[in-house]
């Protein structure tokens, strides 16, 4: 049985730009049933992170902090998953009432606050003739049981598509979208008429999600029209991954940094270089993720589709960084900051450390080669690439994947297997000089 639980904020009803606080929702889906349960907290969108938690500095007027809110979400998620597991063991069908009662018990919410949801579940499904285009999109999302991150991508994709339709005065249906309309949508996304200009790879992802939606509609018999039969999506193109060398990483590790903010950024970045996780997983790490001298966690990106435990032994450098923060009062592994500030500080850190060598990359918008300072493109994901890049010539893919969360046959690994300059130099000096 497919099932999922994730957390989000209720859709804003106020005017754009108005400061507001939105109810925190637990969204539970199983067997075609979808429950949207208010957790009892109102949160500003600026305090909500796309990874599904509140910022570390979050605090309510009555003193409830981020650890308590995030802890409640973890407790609810575990309890709901345990409920489904128990149902399977006992060969018992899970019920909407059972889930709602469990949520009420865990959150202390009164059952009368949930009665509206129970009543709403009795509303009959809309007949085909009265369904809107977005009704079909929402049904597709529920049918696919997408992870929270993929749901957000779908939501963003169709928000752009509906904005395009509105600008073009198109009332979208499953039968009136043509390859020509898709071409116009693609052109407006590329040129920035629907917001910031989108790179080729980003646009490929957007169009692939729309294509996936249309395949679902054809499969379910909602339409025979498939505009993608005559519309080609360009494949994603990536250049060689750019990462720092082991020597540059160690330069950062040993560097004396008077500024506390940059010093903490250095510690977090180097630690990420030594364990290779994504930034979304990094900021969730707590002290209890350290198990027998190793970091253990389930990568969030693949949690709903391929849940495996990534285990990364702590080398002496990684352990020494953790030892600097053993006196922290909270349960966080390190003094994490928001991903955006983290990326900004990393660029500043590279410039302070004089790691500014020039690198060649493909410009994500123009797809043309350009030469830039590595400090200008440094980011949290460069730490993950550094972890893989240092290991890729010496360690099997299966070993790296068990620590990074990649599958052993991931296409990502092939990008790291380019010929090194030292190998080229030896070949030229040996055979051509």
Protein backbone atom coordinates (compact mmCIF):
# COMPACT_ATOMS: atom_id res chain seq x y z
CA UNK A 1 0.00 0.00 0.00
CA UNK A 2 1.38 3.39 -1.02
CA UNK A 3 1.29 5.97 1.73
CA UNK A 4 2.97 9.24 2.62
CA UNK A 5 3.08 11.95 5.24
CA UNK A 6 4.60 15.39 4.88
CA UNK A 7 4.25 18.84 6.43
CA UNK A 8 3.46 22.15 4.78
CA UNK A 9 1.83 25.52 5.40
CA UNK A 10 -1.78 26.16 4.47
CA UNK A 11 -2.20 28.19 1.30
CA UNK A 12 -2.15 31.93 1.96
CA UNK A 13 -5.45 33.77 1.60
CA UNK A 14 -4.25 37.31 2.34
CA UNK A 15 -2.99 39.93 -0.07
CA UNK A 16 0.47 39.53 -1.53
CA UNK A 17 3.10 41.24 0.58
CA UNK A 18 0.92 41.26 3.68
CA UNK A 19 2.62 39.82 6.75
CA UNK A 20 0.74 36.69 7.77
CA UNK A 21 1.03 33.51 9.77
CA UNK A 22 -0.26 30.31 8.20
CA UNK A 23 -1.44 27.10 9.88
CA UNK A 24 1.05 24.22 9.90
CA UNK A 25 -0.50 21.16 8.24
CA UNK A 26 0.27 17.44 8.39
CA UNK A 27 -0.77 15.90 5.07
CA UNK A 28 -1.36 12.14 5.17
CA UNK A 29 -2.22 10.18 2.00
CA UNK A 30 -3.15 6.51 1.64
CA UNK A 31 -5.51 4.44 -0.51
CA UNK A 32 -6.86 7.51 -2.32
CA UNK A 33 -7.57 9.28 0.99
CA UNK A 34 -5.91 12.60 1.76
CA UNK A 35 -6.03 14.16 5.23
CA UNK A 36 -4.93 17.76 5.83
CA UNK A 37 -4.60 18.15 9.59
CA UNK A 38 -3.83 21.42 11.39
CA UNK A 39 -1.03 20.85 13.88
CA UNK A 40 -1.90 23.81 16.13
CA UNK A 41 0.89 26.21 15.15
CA UNK A 42 0.75 29.29 12.92
CA UNK A 43 4.03 30.02 11.12
CA UNK A 44 5.24 32.84 8.91
CA UNK A 45 6.31 31.69 5.42
CA UNK A 46 9.65 33.40 6.02
CA UNK A 47 10.27 30.98 8.91
CA UNK A 48 9.35 27.91 6.86
CA UNK A 49 12.05 26.01 4.97
CA UNK A 50 11.43 24.12 1.74
CA UNK A 51 12.83 20.97 3.36
CA UNK A 52 9.71 20.82 5.56
CA UNK A 53 10.80 22.33 8.87
CA UNK A 54 10.99 25.72 10.58
CA UNK A 55 14.11 27.84 10.74
CA UNK A 56 16.42 27.26 13.70
CA UNK A 57 15.73 30.75 15.08
CA UNK A 58 11.92 30.31 15.02
CA UNK A 59 10.12 31.25 18.25
CA UNK A 60 6.42 31.81 18.98
CA UNK A 61 5.11 34.57 21.23
CA UNK A 62 4.55 32.07 24.04
CA UNK A 63 8.09 30.65 23.86
CA UNK A 64 7.64 27.59 21.62
CA UNK A 65 10.90 27.20 19.69
CA UNK A 66 11.97 25.43 16.48
CA UNK A 67 13.17 22.30 18.27
CA UNK A 68 9.72 21.70 19.77
CA UNK A 69 7.86 22.26 16.48
CA UNK A 70 10.31 20.19 14.43
CA UNK A 71 10.34 17.54 17.16
CA UNK A 72 6.54 17.29 17.06
CA UNK A 73 6.65 16.83 13.28
CA UNK A 74 9.19 14.01 13.68
CA UNK A 75 7.04 12.37 16.39
CA UNK A 76 3.89 12.60 14.29
CA UNK A 77 5.65 11.24 11.20
CA UNK A 78 7.05 8.25 13.12
CA UNK A 79 3.72 7.52 14.85
CA UNK A 80 1.71 7.62 11.62
CA UNK A 81 4.20 5.35 9.85
CA UNK A 82 4.07 2.96 12.84
CA UNK A 83 0.27 2.98 12.62
CA UNK A 84 0.44 1.91 8.96
CA UNK A 85 3.04 -0.75 9.81
CA UNK A 86 0.85 -2.17 12.59
CA UNK A 87 -2.12 -2.31 10.23
CA UNK A 88 -0.07 -4.36 7.77
CA UNK A 89 1.15 -6.74 10.48
CA UNK A 90 -2.42 -7.30 11.73
CA UNK A 91 -3.80 -7.49 8.16
CA UNK A 92 -6.07 -4.59 9.04
CA UNK A 93 -7.17 -1.80 6.76
CA UNK A 94 -6.03 1.66 7.96
CA UNK A 95 -8.90 4.12 8.33
CA UNK A 96 -9.21 7.87 8.03
CA UNK A 97 -10.81 8.00 11.45
CA UNK A 98 -7.93 6.04 12.95
CA UNK A 99 -5.35 8.45 11.50
CA UNK A 100 -7.29 11.53 12.64
CA UNK A 101 -7.71 10.14 16.17
CA UNK A 102 -3.95 9.46 16.30
CA UNK A 103 -3.14 12.99 15.12
CA UNK A 104 -5.53 14.48 17.69
CA UNK A 105 -3.89 12.44 20.44
CA UNK A 106 -0.34 13.40 19.45
CA UNK A 107 -1.04 17.11 19.05
CA UNK A 108 -3.58 17.57 21.85
CA UNK A 109 -6.05 19.02 19.37
CA UNK A 110 -9.73 18.59 20.24
CA UNK A 111 -11.62 16.17 18.06
CA UNK A 112 -14.30 18.75 17.29
CA UNK A 113 -11.62 20.65 15.33
CA UNK A 114 -11.25 17.61 13.09
CA UNK A 115 -14.94 16.94 12.46
CA UNK A 116 -15.00 19.29 9.48
CA UNK A 117 -12.32 17.19 7.84
CA UNK A 118 -14.25 13.97 8.46
CA UNK A 119 -17.37 15.54 6.98
CA UNK A 120 -15.43 16.83 3.98
CA UNK A 121 -14.20 13.33 3.22
CA UNK A 122 -17.78 12.32 2.52
CA UNK A 123 -18.05 14.76 -0.40
CA UNK A 124 -18.38 12.86 -3.64
CA UNK A 125 -15.72 13.05 -6.31
CA UNK A 126 -16.35 15.63 -9.03
CA UNK A 127 -17.85 14.25 -12.24
CA UNK A 128 -15.49 14.28 -15.23
CA UNK A 129 -17.44 17.03 -16.98
CA UNK A 130 -17.02 19.47 -14.10
CA UNK A 131 -13.34 18.89 -13.40
CA UNK A 132 -10.96 21.75 -14.11
CA UNK A 133 -7.47 21.38 -15.55
CA UNK A 134 -5.96 21.79 -12.07
CA UNK A 135 -8.33 19.15 -10.68
CA UNK A 136 -6.62 16.66 -12.98
CA UNK A 137 -3.18 17.95 -11.94
CA UNK A 138 -4.04 17.47 -8.25
CA UNK A 139 -5.37 13.96 -8.91
CA UNK A 140 -2.13 13.13 -10.74
CA UNK A 141 -0.02 14.33 -7.80
CA UNK A 142 -2.06 12.21 -5.37
CA UNK A 143 -1.96 9.18 -7.67
CA UNK A 144 1.83 9.29 -7.95
CA UNK A 145 2.33 9.58 -4.15
CA UNK A 146 5.11 12.09 -4.70
CA UNK A 147 7.57 13.08 -2.02
CA UNK A 148 7.21 16.52 -0.47
CA UNK A 149 10.04 17.91 -2.58
CA UNK A 150 8.57 16.57 -5.83
CA UNK A 151 5.14 17.92 -4.89
CA UNK A 152 6.66 21.38 -4.62
CA UNK A 153 8.27 20.98 -8.03
CA UNK A 154 4.91 19.98 -9.53
CA UNK A 155 3.21 22.93 -7.86
CA UNK A 156 5.82 25.36 -9.19
CA UNK A 157 5.66 23.83 -12.69
CA UNK A 158 1.92 24.19 -13.08
CA UNK A 159 1.89 27.62 -11.45
CA UNK A 160 4.15 28.78 -14.28
CA UNK A 161 2.05 26.94 -16.87
CA UNK A 162 -1.21 28.48 -15.63
CA UNK A 163 0.42 31.93 -15.57
CA UNK A 164 1.43 31.39 -19.21
CA UNK A 165 -2.11 30.32 -20.13
CA UNK A 166 -3.51 33.40 -18.42
CA UNK A 167 -1.13 35.68 -20.34
CA UNK A 168 -2.02 33.96 -23.61
CA UNK A 169 -5.74 33.96 -22.79
CA UNK A 170 -5.89 30.18 -23.03
CA UNK A 171 -8.38 28.21 -20.95
CA UNK A 172 -6.37 24.98 -20.63
CA UNK A 173 -8.07 21.62 -21.05
CA UNK A 174 -6.67 18.16 -21.68
CA UNK A 175 -7.78 18.36 -25.31
CA UNK A 176 -6.72 21.85 -26.44
CA UNK A 177 -3.00 21.93 -25.55
CA UNK A 178 -0.88 21.49 -28.70
CA UNK A 179 2.86 21.20 -29.46
CA UNK A 180 2.74 24.81 -30.68
CA UNK A 181 1.41 25.99 -27.30
CA UNK A 182 4.17 24.06 -25.55
CA UNK A 183 6.76 25.74 -27.79
CA UNK A 184 5.44 29.17 -26.84
CA UNK A 185 5.49 28.20 -23.15
CA UNK A 186 9.09 27.02 -23.49
CA UNK A 187 10.13 30.25 -25.24
CA UNK A 188 8.57 32.46 -22.55
CA UNK A 189 10.25 30.45 -19.78
CA UNK A 190 13.64 30.74 -21.50
CA UNK A 191 13.38 34.49 -22.08
CA UNK A 192 12.13 35.37 -18.59
CA UNK A 193 8.64 36.49 -19.53
CA UNK A 194 7.24 34.30 -16.73
CA UNK A 195 9.77 35.28 -14.07
CA UNK A 196 13.51 34.72 -13.97
CA UNK A 197 14.93 33.13 -17.16
CA UNK A 198 15.16 29.38 -16.76
CA UNK A 199 18.26 27.36 -17.63
CA UNK A 200 18.08 24.51 -20.11
CA UNK A 201 18.27 21.86 -17.41
CA UNK A 202 15.62 23.55 -15.28
CA UNK A 203 13.34 23.86 -18.30
CA UNK A 204 13.91 20.19 -19.14
CA UNK A 205 12.71 19.27 -15.66
CA UNK A 206 9.63 21.50 -15.95
CA UNK A 207 8.62 20.09 -19.35
CA UNK A 208 9.29 16.52 -18.18
CA UNK A 209 6.84 16.99 -15.30
CA UNK A 210 4.16 18.27 -17.69
CA UNK A 211 4.85 15.30 -19.98
CA UNK A 212 4.52 12.92 -17.03
CA UNK A 213 1.16 14.50 -16.19
CA UNK A 214 -0.07 14.02 -19.74
CA UNK A 215 1.01 10.38 -19.81
CA UNK A 216 -0.99 9.86 -16.61
CA UNK A 217 -4.10 11.46 -18.18
CA UNK A 218 -3.83 9.29 -21.31
CA UNK A 219 -3.26 6.19 -19.19
CA UNK A 220 -6.35 6.91 -17.08
CA UNK A 221 -8.48 7.48 -20.18
CA UNK A 222 -9.16 11.16 -19.47
CA UNK A 223 -7.98 12.19 -22.95
CA UNK A 224 -6.53 10.81 -26.19
CA UNK A 225 -4.63 14.03 -26.85
CA UNK A 226 -0.90 13.85 -26.17
CA UNK A 227 0.92 16.97 -27.42
CA UNK A 228 4.27 15.47 -26.44
CA UNK A 229 4.12 12.95 -29.28
CA UNK A 230 5.23 15.80 -31.57
CA UNK A 231 7.17 17.85 -29.03
CA UNK A 232 10.78 17.03 -28.21
CA UNK A 233 12.30 17.77 -24.80
CA UNK A 234 16.01 18.49 -24.91
CA UNK A 235 18.10 16.27 -22.61
CA UNK A 236 19.83 17.75 -19.59
CA UNK A 237 23.44 18.74 -20.19
CA UNK A 238 26.04 18.96 -17.45
CA UNK A 239 29.68 19.96 -17.58
CA UNK A 240 32.40 18.39 -15.49
CA UNK A 241 31.63 18.80 -11.77
CA UNK A 242 33.66 21.58 -10.16
CA UNK A 243 34.99 20.93 -6.68
CA UNK A 244 37.94 21.85 -4.50
CA UNK A 245 41.00 19.65 -4.12
CA UNK A 246 41.96 17.80 -0.98
CA UNK A 247 44.72 20.37 -0.45
CA UNK A 248 42.27 23.27 -0.72
CA UNK A 249 39.90 21.55 1.67
CA UNK A 250 42.73 21.13 4.18
CA UNK A 251 43.72 24.77 3.69
CA UNK A 252 40.26 25.69 4.94
CA UNK A 253 40.47 23.18 7.79
CA UNK A 254 43.74 24.57 9.18
CA UNK A 255 43.08 28.24 8.37
CA UNK A 256 43.04 30.72 11.28
CA UNK A 257 39.79 32.69 11.00
CA UNK A 258 39.22 35.46 13.56
CA UNK A 259 35.60 36.08 12.51
CA UNK A 260 33.28 33.70 14.39
CA UNK A 261 30.65 33.67 11.63
CA UNK A 262 33.13 32.59 8.94
CA UNK A 263 34.82 30.19 11.36
CA UNK A 264 31.52 28.36 11.91
CA UNK A 265 30.83 28.40 8.17
CA UNK A 266 34.26 26.83 7.59
CA UNK A 267 33.56 24.10 10.13
CA UNK A 268 30.18 23.25 8.61
CA UNK A 269 31.51 23.31 5.02
CA UNK A 270 34.57 21.16 5.72
CA UNK A 271 32.44 18.74 7.74
CA UNK A 272 30.06 18.47 4.77
CA UNK A 273 33.08 17.79 2.51
CA UNK A 274 33.95 14.90 4.84
CA UNK A 275 30.51 13.24 4.94
CA UNK A 276 29.12 14.16 1.50
CA UNK A 277 25.44 14.71 2.33
CA UNK A 278 23.04 17.17 0.71
CA UNK A 279 22.49 20.44 2.53
CA UNK A 280 18.85 19.52 3.28
CA UNK A 281 20.06 16.44 5.15
CA UNK A 282 23.01 18.28 6.71
CA UNK A 283 20.91 20.87 8.56
CA UNK A 284 18.73 18.11 10.05
CA UNK A 285 21.59 16.18 11.58
CA UNK A 286 21.47 15.91 15.35
CA UNK A 287 23.77 14.46 17.95
CA UNK A 288 21.91 11.15 17.91
CA UNK A 289 22.79 10.76 14.19
CA UNK A 290 26.28 9.84 15.40
CA UNK A 291 26.21 6.04 15.87
CA UNK A 292 29.34 4.07 16.74
CA UNK A 293 31.74 6.56 15.22
CA UNK A 294 29.73 7.22 12.07
CA UNK A 295 27.00 9.53 10.78
CA UNK A 296 23.77 7.67 9.99
CA UNK A 297 20.76 9.22 8.25
CA UNK A 298 18.13 8.51 5.60
CA UNK A 299 18.60 10.86 2.60
CA UNK A 300 15.45 12.95 2.35
CA UNK A 301 15.48 13.13 -1.46
CA UNK A 302 15.01 9.36 -1.78
CA UNK A 303 13.19 8.77 1.52
CA UNK A 304 9.79 8.07 -0.03
CA UNK A 305 11.01 6.12 -3.07
CA UNK A 306 14.18 4.30 -2.03
CA UNK A 307 14.62 4.63 1.71
CA UNK A 308 18.13 3.45 2.62
CA UNK A 309 20.40 4.40 5.48
CA UNK A 310 23.51 6.31 4.47
CA UNK A 311 26.35 5.58 6.89
CA UNK A 312 29.57 7.61 6.78
CA UNK A 313 32.41 6.80 9.20
CA UNK A 314 33.83 9.92 10.87
CA UNK A 315 37.47 10.52 10.00
CA UNK A 316 39.67 12.29 12.58
CA UNK A 317 39.15 15.71 10.96
CA UNK A 318 35.36 15.31 11.00
CA UNK A 319 35.42 14.16 14.62
CA UNK A 320 37.62 17.06 15.64
CA UNK A 321 35.11 19.51 14.15
CA UNK A 322 32.28 17.90 16.15
CA UNK A 323 34.40 18.07 19.29
CA UNK A 324 34.47 21.87 18.97
CA UNK A 325 30.70 21.99 19.53
CA UNK A 326 30.12 19.41 22.25
CA UNK A 327 29.00 22.12 24.66
CA UNK A 328 26.05 23.17 22.48
CA UNK A 329 22.89 23.06 24.56
CA UNK A 330 20.54 22.01 21.76
CA UNK A 331 20.55 18.68 19.94
CA UNK A 332 21.88 20.05 16.66
CA UNK A 333 25.10 18.47 15.49
CA UNK A 334 26.59 21.81 14.41
CA UNK A 335 25.48 25.48 14.55
CA UNK A 336 23.62 25.29 11.25
CA UNK A 337 22.21 28.35 9.49
CA UNK A 338 19.70 28.73 6.67
CA UNK A 339 20.84 27.25 3.30
CA UNK A 340 20.78 30.64 1.56
CA UNK A 341 22.95 32.38 4.17
CA UNK A 342 25.19 29.30 4.20
CA UNK A 343 25.80 29.63 0.44
CA UNK A 344 26.50 33.36 0.76
CA UNK A 345 28.96 32.81 3.58
CA UNK A 346 30.75 30.02 1.67
CA UNK A 347 31.57 32.43 -1.16
CA UNK A 348 32.87 34.92 1.40
CA UNK A 349 34.90 32.16 3.08
CA UNK A 350 36.59 31.15 -0.20
CA UNK A 351 37.64 34.74 -0.88
CA UNK A 352 38.99 35.12 2.67
CA UNK A 353 41.02 31.91 2.21
CA UNK A 354 42.21 33.09 -1.23
CA UNK A 355 40.73 30.04 -2.95
CA UNK A 356 39.91 31.96 -6.10
CA UNK A 357 41.43 29.97 -8.97
CA UNK A 358 39.75 30.30 -12.35
CA UNK A 359 37.62 27.39 -13.55
CA UNK A 360 35.76 26.68 -16.79
CA UNK A 361 32.08 25.89 -16.63
CA UNK A 362 28.97 25.82 -18.80
CA UNK A 363 26.85 28.90 -18.16
CA UNK A 364 23.49 27.46 -16.97
CA UNK A 365 21.49 29.97 -19.06
CA UNK A 366 23.51 30.39 -22.26
CA UNK A 367 25.08 26.88 -22.29
CA UNK A 368 28.31 28.57 -23.40
CA UNK A 369 31.68 28.01 -21.80
CA UNK A 370 32.81 30.72 -19.42
CA UNK A 371 35.73 31.21 -17.07
CA UNK A 372 34.89 32.27 -13.53
CA UNK A 373 36.47 32.35 -10.10
CA UNK A 374 35.66 29.23 -8.11
CA UNK A 375 34.83 31.52 -5.17
CA UNK A 376 31.97 33.08 -7.15
CA UNK A 377 30.25 29.72 -7.73
CA UNK A 378 31.08 28.06 -4.42
CA UNK A 379 28.04 26.58 -2.67
CA UNK A 380 26.95 23.90 -0.25
CA UNK A 381 26.64 21.41 -3.10
CA UNK A 382 30.32 21.92 -3.90
CA UNK A 383 31.06 20.24 -0.56
CA UNK A 384 29.11 17.16 -1.71
CA UNK A 385 30.93 17.18 -5.05
CA UNK A 386 34.25 17.49 -3.21
CA UNK A 387 33.46 14.38 -1.14
CA UNK A 388 32.73 12.35 -4.29
CA UNK A 389 35.46 13.96 -6.40
CA UNK A 390 38.25 13.12 -3.95
CA UNK A 391 37.11 9.50 -3.65
CA UNK A 392 36.05 8.68 -7.21
CA UNK A 393 39.42 7.51 -8.58
CA UNK A 394 40.23 5.34 -5.57
CA UNK A 395 36.94 3.89 -4.31
CA UNK A 396 34.23 1.82 -6.00
CA UNK A 397 30.90 3.45 -6.83
CA UNK A 398 29.07 1.07 -4.49
CA UNK A 399 31.14 2.28 -1.54
CA UNK A 400 30.70 5.97 -2.40
CA UNK A 401 26.96 5.48 -3.04
CA UNK A 402 26.45 3.81 0.34
CA UNK A 403 27.75 7.00 1.95
CA UNK A 404 26.42 9.68 -0.41
CA UNK A 405 22.97 8.18 -1.00
CA UNK A 406 23.54 7.64 -4.75
CA UNK A 407 22.69 4.31 -6.34
CA UNK A 408 25.77 2.43 -7.59
CA UNK A 409 24.76 2.91 -11.26
CA UNK A 410 23.87 6.60 -10.87
CA UNK A 411 24.65 8.74 -13.91
CA UNK A 412 26.12 11.30 -11.54
CA UNK A 413 29.26 9.20 -11.06
CA UNK A 414 30.17 9.17 -14.76
CA UNK A 415 30.66 12.96 -14.65
CA UNK A 416 33.61 12.54 -12.29
CA UNK A 417 35.53 10.15 -14.51
CA UNK A 418 37.37 12.68 -16.66
CA UNK A 419 41.05 12.40 -17.43
CA UNK A 420 43.21 14.29 -14.95
CA UNK A 421 45.87 16.79 -16.09
CA UNK A 422 48.65 14.74 -14.45
CA UNK A 423 47.73 11.73 -16.59
CA UNK A 424 47.71 13.86 -19.74
CA UNK A 425 51.04 15.49 -18.84
CA UNK A 426 52.71 12.11 -18.25
CA UNK A 427 51.43 10.81 -21.59
CA UNK A 428 52.69 13.86 -23.51
CA UNK A 429 56.09 13.98 -21.79
CA UNK A 430 56.62 10.23 -22.15
CA UNK A 431 55.55 9.68 -25.74
CA UNK A 432 55.67 13.04 -27.56
CA UNK A 433 58.68 14.92 -26.17
